[in-house]
Full PDB file with SEQRES, HELIX, SHEET, SSBOND, CRYST1, ORIGX, SCALE, CONECT and MASTER records, all heavy atoms in Angstrom:
SEQRES   1 A   43  VAL ARG VAL LEU ASP LYS SER ALA GLU SER ASP THR ALA          
SEQRES   2 A   43  PHE ASP ALA SER HIS LEU ASP PRO ALA THR SER HIS ALA          
SEQRES   3 A   43  PRO TYR ARG ILE PHE ASN MET GLY ASN SER GLN PRO VAL          
SEQRES   4 A   43  ARG ILE LEU ASP                                              
CRYST1    1.000    1.000    1.000  90.00  90.00  90.00 P 1           1          
ORIGX1      1.000000  0.000000  0.000000        0.00000                         
ORIGX2      0.000000  1.000000  0.000000        0.00000                         
ORIGX3      0.000000  0.000000  1.000000        0.00000                         
SCALE1      1.000000  0.000000  0.000000        0.00000                         
SCALE2      0.000000  1.000000  0.000000        0.00000                         
SCALE3      0.000000  0.000000  1.000000        0.00000                         
ATOM      1  N   VAL A   1      -4.828  -8.345  18.368  1.00  0.00           N  
ATOM      2  CA  VAL A   1      -3.937  -7.205  18.605  1.00  0.00           C  
ATOM      3  C   VAL A   1      -2.518  -7.706  18.796  1.00  0.00           C  
ATOM      4  O   VAL A   1      -1.552  -7.087  18.249  1.00  0.00           O  
ATOM      5  CB  VAL A   1      -4.402  -6.351  19.816  1.00  0.00           C  
ATOM      6  CG1 VAL A   1      -3.377  -5.274  20.146  1.00  0.00           C  
ATOM      7  CG2 VAL A   1      -5.746  -5.706  19.519  1.00  0.00           C  
ATOM      8  N   ARG A   2      -2.349  -8.775  19.500  1.00  0.00           N  
ATOM      9  CA  ARG A   2      -1.023  -9.331  19.797  1.00  0.00           C  
ATOM     10  C   ARG A   2      -0.232  -9.685  18.517  1.00  0.00           C  
ATOM     11  O   ARG A   2       0.953  -9.544  18.451  1.00  0.00           O  
ATOM     12  CB  ARG A   2      -1.145 -10.537  20.670  1.00  0.00           C  
ATOM     13  CG  ARG A   2       0.175 -11.055  21.247  1.00  0.00           C  
ATOM     14  CD  ARG A   2       0.016 -12.352  21.988  1.00  0.00           C  
ATOM     15  NE  ARG A   2      -0.359 -13.455  21.139  1.00  0.00           N  
ATOM     16  CZ  ARG A   2       0.472 -14.062  20.258  1.00  0.00           C  
ATOM     17  NH1 ARG A   2       1.694 -13.663  20.132  1.00  0.00           N  
ATOM     18  NH2 ARG A   2       0.054 -15.065  19.543  1.00  0.00           N  
ATOM     19  N   VAL A   3      -0.953 -10.149  17.474  1.00  0.00           N  
ATOM     20  CA  VAL A   3      -0.264 -10.582  16.271  1.00  0.00           C  
ATOM     21  C   VAL A   3       0.125  -9.414  15.381  1.00  0.00           C  
ATOM     22  O   VAL A   3       0.730  -9.627  14.337  1.00  0.00           O  
ATOM     23  CB  VAL A   3      -1.099 -11.602  15.493  1.00  0.00           C  
ATOM     24  CG1 VAL A   3      -1.304 -12.830  16.335  1.00  0.00           C  
ATOM     25  CG2 VAL A   3      -2.377 -11.037  14.992  1.00  0.00           C  
ATOM     26  N   LEU A   4      -0.218  -8.190  15.772  1.00  0.00           N  
ATOM     27  CA  LEU A   4       0.229  -7.048  14.994  1.00  0.00           C  
ATOM     28  C   LEU A   4       1.717  -6.743  15.249  1.00  0.00           C  
ATOM     29  O   LEU A   4       2.035  -5.756  15.864  1.00  0.00           O  
ATOM     30  CB  LEU A   4      -0.626  -5.812  15.361  1.00  0.00           C  
ATOM     31  CG  LEU A   4      -2.045  -5.770  14.818  1.00  0.00           C  
ATOM     32  CD1 LEU A   4      -2.781  -4.580  15.406  1.00  0.00           C  
ATOM     33  CD2 LEU A   4      -2.043  -5.706  13.326  1.00  0.00           C  
ATOM     34  N   ASP A   5       2.518  -7.601  14.789  1.00  0.00           N  
ATOM     35  CA  ASP A   5       3.951  -7.467  15.036  1.00  0.00           C  
ATOM     36  C   ASP A   5       4.682  -6.724  13.932  1.00  0.00           C  
ATOM     37  O   ASP A   5       5.868  -6.463  14.032  1.00  0.00           O  
ATOM     38  CB  ASP A   5       4.588  -8.836  15.238  1.00  0.00           C  
ATOM     39  CG  ASP A   5       4.417  -9.738  14.026  1.00  0.00           C  
ATOM     40  OD1 ASP A   5       3.695  -9.368  13.091  1.00  0.00           O  
ATOM     41  OD2 ASP A   5       4.952 -10.868  14.035  1.00  0.00           O  
ATOM     42  N   LYS A   6       3.975  -6.327  12.885  1.00  0.00           N  
ATOM     43  CA  LYS A   6       4.625  -5.657  11.789  1.00  0.00           C  
ATOM     44  C   LYS A   6       4.080  -4.220  11.672  1.00  0.00           C  
ATOM     45  O   LYS A   6       2.893  -3.998  11.738  1.00  0.00           O  
ATOM     46  CB  LYS A   6       4.325  -6.412  10.491  1.00  0.00           C  
ATOM     47  CG  LYS A   6       4.975  -5.867   9.276  1.00  0.00           C  
ATOM     48  CD  LYS A   6       4.672  -6.739   8.060  1.00  0.00           C  
ATOM     49  CE  LYS A   6       5.174  -6.044   6.813  1.00  0.00           C  
ATOM     50  NZ  LYS A   6       4.642  -6.662   5.623  1.00  0.00           N  
ATOM     51  N   SER A   7       4.938  -3.277  11.493  1.00  0.00           N  
ATOM     52  CA  SER A   7       4.574  -1.887  11.380  1.00  0.00           C  
ATOM     53  C   SER A   7       3.834  -1.644  10.041  1.00  0.00           C  
ATOM     54  O   SER A   7       4.052  -2.342   9.067  1.00  0.00           O  
ATOM     55  CB  SER A   7       5.851  -1.023  11.419  1.00  0.00           C  
ATOM     56  OG  SER A   7       5.490   0.343  11.462  1.00  0.00           O  
ATOM     57  N   ALA A   8       2.965  -0.655  10.033  1.00  0.00           N  
ATOM     58  CA  ALA A   8       2.250  -0.290   8.813  1.00  0.00           C  
ATOM     59  C   ALA A   8       3.271   0.183   7.743  1.00  0.00           C  
ATOM     60  O   ALA A   8       4.228   0.825   8.079  1.00  0.00           O  
ATOM     61  CB  ALA A   8       1.235   0.796   9.084  1.00  0.00           C  
ATOM     62  N   GLU A   9       2.986  -0.166   6.483  1.00  0.00           N  
ATOM     63  CA  GLU A   9       3.832   0.217   5.368  1.00  0.00           C  
ATOM     64  C   GLU A   9       2.975   0.768   4.247  1.00  0.00           C  
ATOM     65  O   GLU A   9       1.752   0.551   4.217  1.00  0.00           O  
ATOM     66  CB  GLU A   9       4.629  -0.987   4.874  1.00  0.00           C  
ATOM     67  CG  GLU A   9       5.554  -1.601   5.898  1.00  0.00           C  
ATOM     68  CD  GLU A   9       6.225  -2.865   5.387  1.00  0.00           C  
ATOM     69  OE1 GLU A   9       5.810  -3.372   4.317  1.00  0.00           O  
ATOM     70  OE2 GLU A   9       7.144  -3.341   6.073  1.00  0.00           O  
ATOM     71  N   SER A  10       3.595   1.449   3.287  1.00  0.00           N  
ATOM     72  CA  SER A  10       2.884   1.853   2.076  1.00  0.00           C  
ATOM     73  C   SER A  10       2.328   0.642   1.379  1.00  0.00           C  
ATOM     74  O   SER A  10       2.964  -0.432   1.356  1.00  0.00           O  
ATOM     75  CB  SER A  10       3.811   2.611   1.165  1.00  0.00           C  
ATOM     76  OG  SER A  10       4.334   3.776   1.810  1.00  0.00           O  
ATOM     77  N   ASP A  11       1.145   0.792   0.787  1.00  0.00           N  
ATOM     78  CA  ASP A  11       0.511  -0.326   0.080  1.00  0.00           C  
ATOM     79  C   ASP A  11       0.888  -0.213  -1.412  1.00  0.00           C  
ATOM     80  O   ASP A  11       0.560   0.769  -2.071  1.00  0.00           O  
ATOM     81  CB  ASP A  11      -0.995  -0.224   0.284  1.00  0.00           C  
ATOM     82  CG  ASP A  11      -1.733  -1.435  -0.263  1.00  0.00           C  
ATOM     83  OD1 ASP A  11      -1.194  -2.150  -1.152  1.00  0.00           O  
ATOM     84  OD2 ASP A  11      -2.863  -1.715   0.215  1.00  0.00           O  
ATOM     85  N   THR A  12       1.491  -1.242  -1.935  1.00  0.00           N  
ATOM     86  CA  THR A  12       1.885  -1.251  -3.345  1.00  0.00           C  
ATOM     87  C   THR A  12       0.689  -1.277  -4.262  1.00  0.00           C  
ATOM     88  O   THR A  12       0.824  -0.960  -5.448  1.00  0.00           O  
ATOM     89  CB  THR A  12       2.842  -2.403  -3.651  1.00  0.00           C  
ATOM     90  OG1 THR A  12       2.166  -3.643  -3.289  1.00  0.00           O  
ATOM     91  CG2 THR A  12       4.135  -2.312  -2.855  1.00  0.00           C  
ATOM     92  N   ALA A  13      -0.477  -1.659  -3.780  1.00  0.00           N  
ATOM     93  CA  ALA A  13      -1.694  -1.697  -4.600  1.00  0.00           C  
ATOM     94  C   ALA A  13      -2.389  -0.360  -4.667  1.00  0.00           C  
ATOM     95  O   ALA A  13      -3.407  -0.234  -5.350  1.00  0.00           O  
ATOM     96  CB  ALA A  13      -2.640  -2.754  -4.048  1.00  0.00           C  
ATOM     97  N   PHE A  14      -1.875   0.669  -3.963  1.00  0.00           N  
ATOM     98  CA  PHE A  14      -2.540   1.961  -3.976  1.00  0.00           C  
ATOM     99  C   PHE A  14      -2.584   2.536  -5.361  1.00  0.00           C  
ATOM    100  O   PHE A  14      -1.600   2.524  -6.088  1.00  0.00           O  
ATOM    101  CB  PHE A  14      -1.779   2.936  -3.038  1.00  0.00           C  
ATOM    102  CG  PHE A  14      -2.354   4.309  -3.038  1.00  0.00           C  
ATOM    103  CD1 PHE A  14      -3.546   4.579  -2.375  1.00  0.00           C  
ATOM    104  CD2 PHE A  14      -1.718   5.344  -3.733  1.00  0.00           C  
ATOM    105  CE1 PHE A  14      -4.080   5.859  -2.396  1.00  0.00           C  
ATOM    106  CE2 PHE A  14      -2.248   6.623  -3.752  1.00  0.00           C  
ATOM    107  CZ  PHE A  14      -3.455   6.859  -3.061  1.00  0.00           C  
ATOM    108  N   ASP A  15      -3.755   3.033  -5.746  1.00  0.00           N  
ATOM    109  CA  ASP A  15      -3.976   3.629  -7.077  1.00  0.00           C  
ATOM    110  C   ASP A  15      -4.702   4.944  -6.851  1.00  0.00           C  
ATOM    111  O   ASP A  15      -5.897   4.960  -6.529  1.00  0.00           O  
ATOM    112  CB  ASP A  15      -4.806   2.694  -7.928  1.00  0.00           C  
ATOM    113  CG  ASP A  15      -5.075   3.225  -9.338  1.00  0.00           C  
ATOM    114  OD1 ASP A  15      -4.689   4.382  -9.626  1.00  0.00           O  
ATOM    115  OD2 ASP A  15      -5.686   2.491 -10.129  1.00  0.00           O  
ATOM    116  N   ALA A  16      -3.997   6.066  -7.035  1.00  0.00           N  
ATOM    117  CA  ALA A  16      -4.559   7.385  -6.799  1.00  0.00           C  
ATOM    118  C   ALA A  16      -5.722   7.704  -7.718  1.00  0.00           C  
ATOM    119  O   ALA A  16      -6.563   8.537  -7.371  1.00  0.00           O  
ATOM    120  CB  ALA A  16      -3.491   8.438  -6.918  1.00  0.00           C  
ATOM    121  N   SER A  17      -5.846   7.007  -8.834  1.00  0.00           N  
ATOM    122  CA  SER A  17      -6.959   7.279  -9.739  1.00  0.00           C  
ATOM    123  C   SER A  17      -8.221   6.498  -9.356  1.00  0.00           C  
ATOM    124  O   SER A  17      -9.302   6.762  -9.869  1.00  0.00           O  
ATOM    125  CB  SER A  17      -6.563   6.960 -11.192  1.00  0.00           C  
ATOM    126  OG  SER A  17      -6.273   5.601 -11.324  1.00  0.00           O  
ATOM    127  N   HIS A  18      -8.091   5.519  -8.482  1.00  0.00           N  
ATOM    128  CA  HIS A  18      -9.234   4.736  -7.984  1.00  0.00           C  
ATOM    129  C   HIS A  18      -9.035   4.560  -6.443  1.00  0.00           C  
ATOM    130  O   HIS A  18      -8.636   3.519  -5.979  1.00  0.00           O  
ATOM    131  CB  HIS A  18      -9.297   3.361  -8.637  1.00  0.00           C  
ATOM    132  CG  HIS A  18      -9.546   3.449 -10.120  1.00  0.00           C  
ATOM    133  ND1 HIS A  18      -8.547   3.528 -11.035  1.00  0.00           N  
ATOM    134  CD2 HIS A  18     -10.702   3.502 -10.815  1.00  0.00           C  
ATOM    135  CE1 HIS A  18      -9.068   3.594 -12.244  1.00  0.00           C  
ATOM    136  NE2 HIS A  18     -10.375   3.592 -12.138  1.00  0.00           N  
ATOM    137  N   LEU A  19      -9.404   5.595  -5.744  1.00  0.00           N  
ATOM    138  CA  LEU A  19      -9.150   5.619  -4.288  1.00  0.00           C  
ATOM    139  C   LEU A  19      -9.954   4.536  -3.575  1.00  0.00           C  
ATOM    140  O   LEU A  19     -11.142   4.361  -3.820  1.00  0.00           O  
ATOM    141  CB  LEU A  19      -9.458   7.010  -3.699  1.00  0.00           C  
ATOM    142  CG  LEU A  19      -8.549   8.126  -4.160  1.00  0.00           C  
ATOM    143  CD1 LEU A  19      -8.992   9.460  -3.594  1.00  0.00           C  
ATOM    144  CD2 LEU A  19      -7.101   7.857  -3.820  1.00  0.00           C  
ATOM    145  N   ASP A  20      -9.259   3.839  -2.709  1.00  0.00           N  
ATOM    146  CA  ASP A  20      -9.829   2.759  -1.906  1.00  0.00           C  
ATOM    147  C   ASP A  20      -9.456   3.030  -0.463  1.00  0.00           C  
ATOM    148  O   ASP A  20      -8.280   3.139  -0.140  1.00  0.00           O  
ATOM    149  CB  ASP A  20      -9.271   1.410  -2.372  1.00  0.00           C  
ATOM    150  CG  ASP A  20      -9.710   0.227  -1.551  1.00  0.00           C  
ATOM    151  OD1 ASP A  20     -10.339   0.404  -0.479  1.00  0.00           O  
ATOM    152  OD2 ASP A  20      -9.465  -0.893  -1.995  1.00  0.00           O  
ATOM    153  N   PRO A  21     -10.446   3.185   0.453  1.00  0.00           N  
ATOM    154  CA  PRO A  21     -10.141   3.482   1.853  1.00  0.00           C  
ATOM    155  C   PRO A  21      -9.199   2.474   2.513  1.00  0.00           C  
ATOM    156  O   PRO A  21      -8.566   2.786   3.540  1.00  0.00           O  
ATOM    157  CB  PRO A  21     -11.493   3.476   2.536  1.00  0.00           C  
ATOM    158  CG  PRO A  21     -12.503   3.725   1.437  1.00  0.00           C  
ATOM    159  CD  PRO A  21     -11.889   3.113   0.216  1.00  0.00           C  
ATOM    160  N   ALA A  22      -9.063   1.269   1.963  1.00  0.00           N  
ATOM    161  CA  ALA A  22      -8.239   0.244   2.566  1.00  0.00           C  
ATOM    162  C   ALA A  22      -6.777   0.279   2.095  1.00  0.00           C  
ATOM    163  O   ALA A  22      -5.969  -0.537   2.552  1.00  0.00           O  
ATOM    164  CB  ALA A  22      -8.840  -1.131   2.372  1.00  0.00           C  
ATOM    165  N   THR A  23      -6.477   1.134   1.150  1.00  0.00           N  
ATOM    166  CA  THR A  23      -5.105   1.199   0.630  1.00  0.00           C  
ATOM    167  C   THR A  23      -4.577   2.631   0.781  1.00  0.00           C  
ATOM    168  O   THR A  23      -5.349   3.581   0.849  1.00  0.00           O  
ATOM    169  CB  THR A  23      -5.007   0.800  -0.851  1.00  0.00           C  
ATOM    170  OG1 THR A  23      -5.735   1.763  -1.636  1.00  0.00           O  
ATOM    171  CG2 THR A  23      -5.579  -0.589  -1.084  1.00  0.00           C  
ATOM    172  N   SER A  24      -3.258   2.751   0.859  1.00  0.00           N  
ATOM    173  CA  SER A  24      -2.660   4.073   1.016  1.00  0.00           C  
ATOM    174  C   SER A  24      -1.237   4.061   0.560  1.00  0.00           C  
ATOM    175  O   SER A  24      -0.508   3.076   0.687  1.00  0.00           O  
ATOM    176  CB  SER A  24      -2.723   4.505   2.481  1.00  0.00           C  
ATOM    177  OG  SER A  24      -2.039   5.728   2.661  1.00  0.00           O  
ATOM    178  N   HIS A  25      -0.782   5.189   0.027  1.00  0.00           N  
ATOM    179  CA  HIS A  25       0.633   5.363  -0.287  1.00  0.00           C  
ATOM    180  C   HIS A  25       1.425   5.639   0.991  1.00  0.00           C  
ATOM    181  O   HIS A  25       2.642   5.504   1.013  1.00  0.00           O  
ATOM    182  CB  HIS A  25       0.813   6.500  -1.280  1.00  0.00           C  
ATOM    183  CG  HIS A  25       0.499   7.826  -0.708  1.00  0.00           C  
ATOM    184  ND1 HIS A  25      -0.788   8.251  -0.448  1.00  0.00           N  
ATOM    185  CD2 HIS A  25       1.332   8.822  -0.231  1.00  0.00           C  
ATOM    186  CE1 HIS A  25      -0.768   9.438   0.108  1.00  0.00           C  
ATOM    187  NE2 HIS A  25       0.512   9.834   0.238  1.00  0.00           N  
ATOM    188  N   ALA A  26       0.734   6.043   2.021  1.00  0.00           N  
ATOM    189  CA  ALA A  26       1.357   6.338   3.322  1.00  0.00           C  
ATOM    190  C   ALA A  26       1.435   5.043   4.132  1.00  0.00           C  
ATOM    191  O   ALA A  26       0.716   4.104   3.880  1.00  0.00           O  
ATOM    192  CB  ALA A  26       0.517   7.390   4.056  1.00  0.00           C  
ATOM    193  N   PRO A  27       2.282   5.048   5.165  1.00  0.00           N  
ATOM    194  CA  PRO A  27       2.340   3.882   6.055  1.00  0.00           C  
ATOM    195  C   PRO A  27       1.168   3.873   7.015  1.00  0.00           C  
ATOM    196  O   PRO A  27       1.276   4.161   8.202  1.00  0.00           O  
ATOM    197  CB  PRO A  27       3.683   4.057   6.797  1.00  0.00           C  
ATOM    198  CG  PRO A  27       3.901   5.547   6.811  1.00  0.00           C  
ATOM    199  CD  PRO A  27       3.275   6.059   5.524  1.00  0.00           C  
ATOM    200  N   TYR A  28      -0.011   3.532   6.478  1.00  0.00           N  
ATOM    201  CA  TYR A  28      -1.272   3.607   7.204  1.00  0.00           C  
ATOM    202  C   TYR A  28      -2.084   2.390   6.836  1.00  0.00           C  
ATOM    203  O   TYR A  28      -2.139   1.976   5.688  1.00  0.00           O  
ATOM    204  CB  TYR A  28      -2.001   4.888   6.757  1.00  0.00           C  
ATOM    205  CG  TYR A  28      -3.448   4.941   7.189  1.00  0.00           C  
ATOM    206  CD1 TYR A  28      -3.786   5.522   8.426  1.00  0.00           C  
ATOM    207  CD2 TYR A  28      -4.477   4.497   6.388  1.00  0.00           C  
ATOM    208  CE1 TYR A  28      -5.108   5.621   8.860  1.00  0.00           C  
ATOM    209  CE2 TYR A  28      -5.832   4.587   6.817  1.00  0.00           C  
ATOM    210  CZ  TYR A  28      -6.105   5.129   8.024  1.00  0.00           C  
ATOM    211  OH  TYR A  28      -7.431   5.206   8.435  1.00  0.00           O  
ATOM    212  N   ARG A  29      -2.754   1.833   7.835  1.00  0.00           N  
ATOM    213  CA  ARG A  29      -3.675   0.753   7.564  1.00  0.00           C  
ATOM    214  C   ARG A  29      -4.760   0.706   8.637  1.00  0.00           C  
ATOM    215  O   ARG A  29      -4.608   1.315   9.693  1.00  0.00           O  
ATOM    216  CB  ARG A  29      -2.944  -0.608   7.519  1.00  0.00           C  
ATOM    217  CG  ARG A  29      -2.233  -0.978   8.819  1.00  0.00           C  
ATOM    218  CD  ARG A  29      -1.418  -2.191   8.686  1.00  0.00           C  
ATOM    219  NE  ARG A  29      -0.667  -2.409   9.935  1.00  0.00           N  
ATOM    220  CZ  ARG A  29       0.129  -3.422  10.164  1.00  0.00           C  
ATOM    221  NH1 ARG A  29       0.310  -4.326   9.237  1.00  0.00           N  
ATOM    222  NH2 ARG A  29       0.716  -3.537  11.305  1.00  0.00           N  
ATOM    223  N   ILE A  30      -5.838   0.038   8.267  1.00  0.00           N  
ATOM    224  CA  ILE A  30      -6.997  -0.035   9.159  1.00  0.00           C  
ATOM    225  C   ILE A  30      -7.515  -1.453   9.101  1.00  0.00           C  
ATOM    226  O   ILE A  30      -7.530  -2.064   8.047  1.00  0.00           O  
ATOM    227  CB  ILE A  30      -8.094   1.012   8.789  1.00  0.00           C  
ATOM    228  CG1 ILE A  30      -9.090   1.225   9.853  1.00  0.00           C  
ATOM    229  CG2 ILE A  30      -8.719   0.709   7.445  1.00  0.00           C  
ATOM    230  CD1 ILE A  30      -8.713   2.240  10.869  1.00  0.00           C  
ATOM    231  N   PHE A  31      -7.902  -1.983  10.243  1.00  0.00           N  
ATOM    232  CA  PHE A  31      -8.422  -3.352  10.317  1.00  0.00           C  
ATOM    233  C   PHE A  31      -9.715  -3.393  11.092  1.00  0.00           C  
ATOM    234  O   PHE A  31      -9.833  -2.778  12.162  1.00  0.00           O  
ATOM    235  CB  PHE A  31      -7.447  -4.321  11.032  1.00  0.00           C  
ATOM    236  CG  PHE A  31      -6.171  -4.532  10.281  1.00  0.00           C  
ATOM    237  CD1 PHE A  31      -4.977  -4.099  10.838  1.00  0.00           C  
ATOM    238  CD2 PHE A  31      -6.119  -5.218   9.067  1.00  0.00           C  
ATOM    239  CE1 PHE A  31      -3.793  -4.311  10.173  1.00  0.00           C  
ATOM    240  CE2 PHE A  31      -4.924  -5.417   8.411  1.00  0.00           C  
ATOM    241  CZ  PHE A  31      -3.759  -4.983   8.937  1.00  0.00           C  
ATOM    242  N   ASN A  32     -10.671  -4.174  10.588  1.00  0.00           N  
ATOM    243  CA  ASN A  32     -11.846  -4.527  11.380  1.00  0.00           C  
ATOM    244  C   ASN A  32     -11.426  -5.631  12.321  1.00  0.00           C  
ATOM    245  O   ASN A  32     -10.742  -6.564  11.932  1.00  0.00           O  
ATOM    246  CB  ASN A  32     -12.978  -5.037  10.478  1.00  0.00           C  
ATOM    247  CG  ASN A  32     -13.654  -3.950   9.696  1.00  0.00           C  
ATOM    248  OD1 ASN A  32     -13.479  -2.769   9.971  1.00  0.00           O  
ATOM    249  ND2 ASN A  32     -14.427  -4.349   8.699  1.00  0.00           N  
ATOM    250  N   MET A  33     -11.828  -5.513  13.577  1.00  0.00           N  
ATOM    251  CA  MET A  33     -11.516  -6.541  14.581  1.00  0.00           C  
ATOM    252  C   MET A  33     -12.853  -7.037  15.157  1.00  0.00           C  
ATOM    253  O   MET A  33     -13.416  -6.394  16.029  1.00  0.00           O  
ATOM    254  CB  MET A  33     -10.643  -5.976  15.703  1.00  0.00           C  
ATOM    255  CG  MET A  33      -9.300  -5.429  15.226  1.00  0.00           C  
ATOM    256  SD  MET A  33      -8.108  -6.682  14.801  1.00  0.00           S  
ATOM    257  CE  MET A  33      -7.655  -7.257  16.407  1.00  0.00           C  
ATOM    258  N   GLY A  34     -13.330  -8.149  14.641  1.00  0.00           N  
ATOM    259  CA  GLY A  34     -14.598  -8.678  15.074  1.00  0.00           C  
ATOM    260  C   GLY A  34     -14.687 -10.182  14.877  1.00  0.00           C  
ATOM    261  O   GLY A  34     -13.722 -10.825  14.488  1.00  0.00           O  
ATOM    262  N   ASN A  35     -15.841 -10.673  15.110  1.00  0.00           N  
ATOM    263  CA  ASN A  35     -16.113 -12.108  15.062  1.00  0.00           C  
ATOM    264  C   ASN A  35     -16.578 -12.595  13.725  1.00  0.00           C  
ATOM    265  O   ASN A  35     -16.432 -13.751  13.367  1.00  0.00           O  
ATOM    266  CB  ASN A  35     -17.190 -12.441  16.142  1.00  0.00           C  
ATOM    267  CG  ASN A  35     -17.487 -13.881  16.216  1.00  0.00           C  
ATOM    268  OD1 ASN A  35     -16.709 -14.726  15.826  1.00  0.00           O  
ATOM    269  ND2 ASN A  35     -18.633 -14.206  16.744  1.00  0.00           N  
ATOM    270  N   SER A  36     -17.161 -11.708  12.925  1.00  0.00           N  
ATOM    271  CA  SER A  36     -17.711 -12.038  11.609  1.00  0.00           C  
ATOM    272  C   SER A  36     -18.857 -13.023  11.632  1.00  0.00           C  
ATOM    273  O   SER A  36     -19.079 -13.706  10.658  1.00  0.00           O  
ATOM    274  CB  SER A  36     -16.586 -12.523  10.613  1.00  0.00           C  
ATOM    275  OG  SER A  36     -15.621 -11.518  10.473  1.00  0.00           O  
ATOM    276  N   GLN A  37     -19.502 -13.116  12.747  1.00  0.00           N  
ATOM    277  CA  GLN A  37     -20.668 -14.001  12.892  1.00  0.00           C  
ATOM    278  C   GLN A  37     -21.760 -13.222  13.635  1.00  0.00           C  
ATOM    279  O   GLN A  37     -22.003 -13.465  14.809  1.00  0.00           O  
ATOM    280  CB  GLN A  37     -20.339 -15.278  13.590  1.00  0.00           C  
ATOM    281  CG  GLN A  37     -19.351 -16.141  12.846  1.00  0.00           C  
ATOM    282  CD  GLN A  37     -18.988 -17.418  13.579  1.00  0.00           C  
ATOM    283  OE1 GLN A  37     -19.270 -17.563  14.783  1.00  0.00           O  
ATOM    284  NE2 GLN A  37     -18.446 -18.355  12.878  1.00  0.00           N  
ATOM    285  N   PRO A  38     -22.426 -12.292  12.951  1.00  0.00           N  
ATOM    286  CA  PRO A  38     -23.457 -11.485  13.634  1.00  0.00           C  
ATOM    287  C   PRO A  38     -24.548 -12.325  14.251  1.00  0.00           C  
ATOM    288  O   PRO A  38     -24.920 -13.386  13.732  1.00  0.00           O  
ATOM    289  CB  PRO A  38     -24.016 -10.615  12.472  1.00  0.00           C  
ATOM    290  CG  PRO A  38     -22.993 -10.662  11.396  1.00  0.00           C  
ATOM    291  CD  PRO A  38     -22.314 -11.972  11.537  1.00  0.00           C  
ATOM    292  N   VAL A  39     -25.049 -11.829  15.357  1.00  0.00           N  
ATOM    293  CA  VAL A  39     -26.075 -12.549  16.135  1.00  0.00           C  
ATOM    294  C   VAL A  39     -27.288 -11.614  16.287  1.00  0.00           C  
ATOM    295  O   VAL A  39     -27.104 -10.420  16.612  1.00  0.00           O  
ATOM    296  CB  VAL A  39     -25.529 -12.925  17.529  1.00  0.00           C  
ATOM    297  CG1 VAL A  39     -26.604 -13.613  18.365  1.00  0.00           C  
ATOM    298  CG2 VAL A  39     -24.315 -13.811  17.365  1.00  0.00           C  
ATOM    299  N   ARG A  40     -28.469 -12.146  16.119  1.00  0.00           N  
ATOM    300  CA  ARG A  40     -29.676 -11.356  16.373  1.00  0.00           C  
ATOM    301  C   ARG A  40     -29.794 -11.053  17.842  1.00  0.00           C  
ATOM    302  O   ARG A  40     -29.584 -11.956  18.681  1.00  0.00           O  
ATOM    303  CB  ARG A  40     -30.910 -12.155  15.907  1.00  0.00           C  
ATOM    304  CG  ARG A  40     -31.018 -12.363  14.414  1.00  0.00           C  
ATOM    305  CD  ARG A  40     -32.157 -13.334  14.061  1.00  0.00           C  
ATOM    306  NE  ARG A  40     -33.132 -13.480  15.136  1.00  0.00           N  
ATOM    307  CZ  ARG A  40     -34.432 -13.191  14.994  1.00  0.00           C  
ATOM    308  NH1 ARG A  40     -34.929 -12.816  13.879  1.00  0.00           N  
ATOM    309  NH2 ARG A  40     -35.267 -13.339  16.027  1.00  0.00           N  
ATOM    310  N   ILE A  41     -30.135  -9.831  18.171  1.00  0.00           N  
ATOM    311  CA  ILE A  41     -30.249  -9.452  19.571  1.00  0.00           C  
ATOM    312  C   ILE A  41     -31.345 -10.271  20.288  1.00  0.00           C  
ATOM    313  O   ILE A  41     -31.208 -10.610  21.486  1.00  0.00           O  
ATOM    314  CB  ILE A  41     -30.455  -7.928  19.755  1.00  0.00           C  
ATOM    315  CG1 ILE A  41     -30.101  -7.467  21.154  1.00  0.00           C  
ATOM    316  CG2 ILE A  41     -31.888  -7.529  19.427  1.00  0.00           C  
ATOM    317  CD1 ILE A  41     -28.623  -7.529  21.473  1.00  0.00           C  
ATOM    318  N   LEU A  42     -32.382 -10.658  19.565  1.00  0.00           N  
ATOM    319  CA  LEU A  42     -33.427 -11.484  20.160  1.00  0.00           C  
ATOM    320  C   LEU A  42     -32.917 -12.871  20.484  1.00  0.00           C  
ATOM    321  O   LEU A  42     -33.337 -13.467  21.499  1.00  0.00           O  
ATOM    322  CB  LEU A  42     -34.651 -11.591  19.244  1.00  0.00           C  
ATOM    323  CG  LEU A  42     -35.489 -10.304  19.122  1.00  0.00           C  
ATOM    324  CD1 LEU A  42     -36.626 -10.487  18.129  1.00  0.00           C  
ATOM    325  CD2 LEU A  42     -36.019  -9.832  20.469  1.00  0.00           C  
ATOM    326  N   ASP A  43     -31.925 -13.368  19.740  1.00  0.00           N  
ATOM    327  CA  ASP A  43     -31.292 -14.650  20.087  1.00  0.00           C  
ATOM    328  C   ASP A  43     -30.460 -14.490  21.353  1.00  0.00           C  
ATOM    329  O   ASP A  43     -30.427 -15.418  22.190  1.00  0.00           O  
ATOM    330  CB  ASP A  43     -30.444 -15.171  18.932  1.00  0.00           C  
ATOM    331  CG  ASP A  43     -31.241 -15.580  17.712  1.00  0.00           C  
ATOM    332  OD1 ASP A  43     -32.488 -15.839  17.851  1.00  0.00           O  
ATOM    333  OD2 ASP A  43     -30.677 -15.660  16.611  1.00  0.00           O  
TER     334      ASP A  43                                                      
MASTER        0    0    0    0    0    0    0    6  333    1    0    4          
END                                                                             
């Protein structure tokens, strides 16, 4: 969270004919914040 020092901006890769939830013409963005190393609950 601390490294989010830049405000959201329009995504130049946005393509209205092929909508992608991770891109937007608006100053909007979304990030997954996790470890990327899932662990079995039994472990």
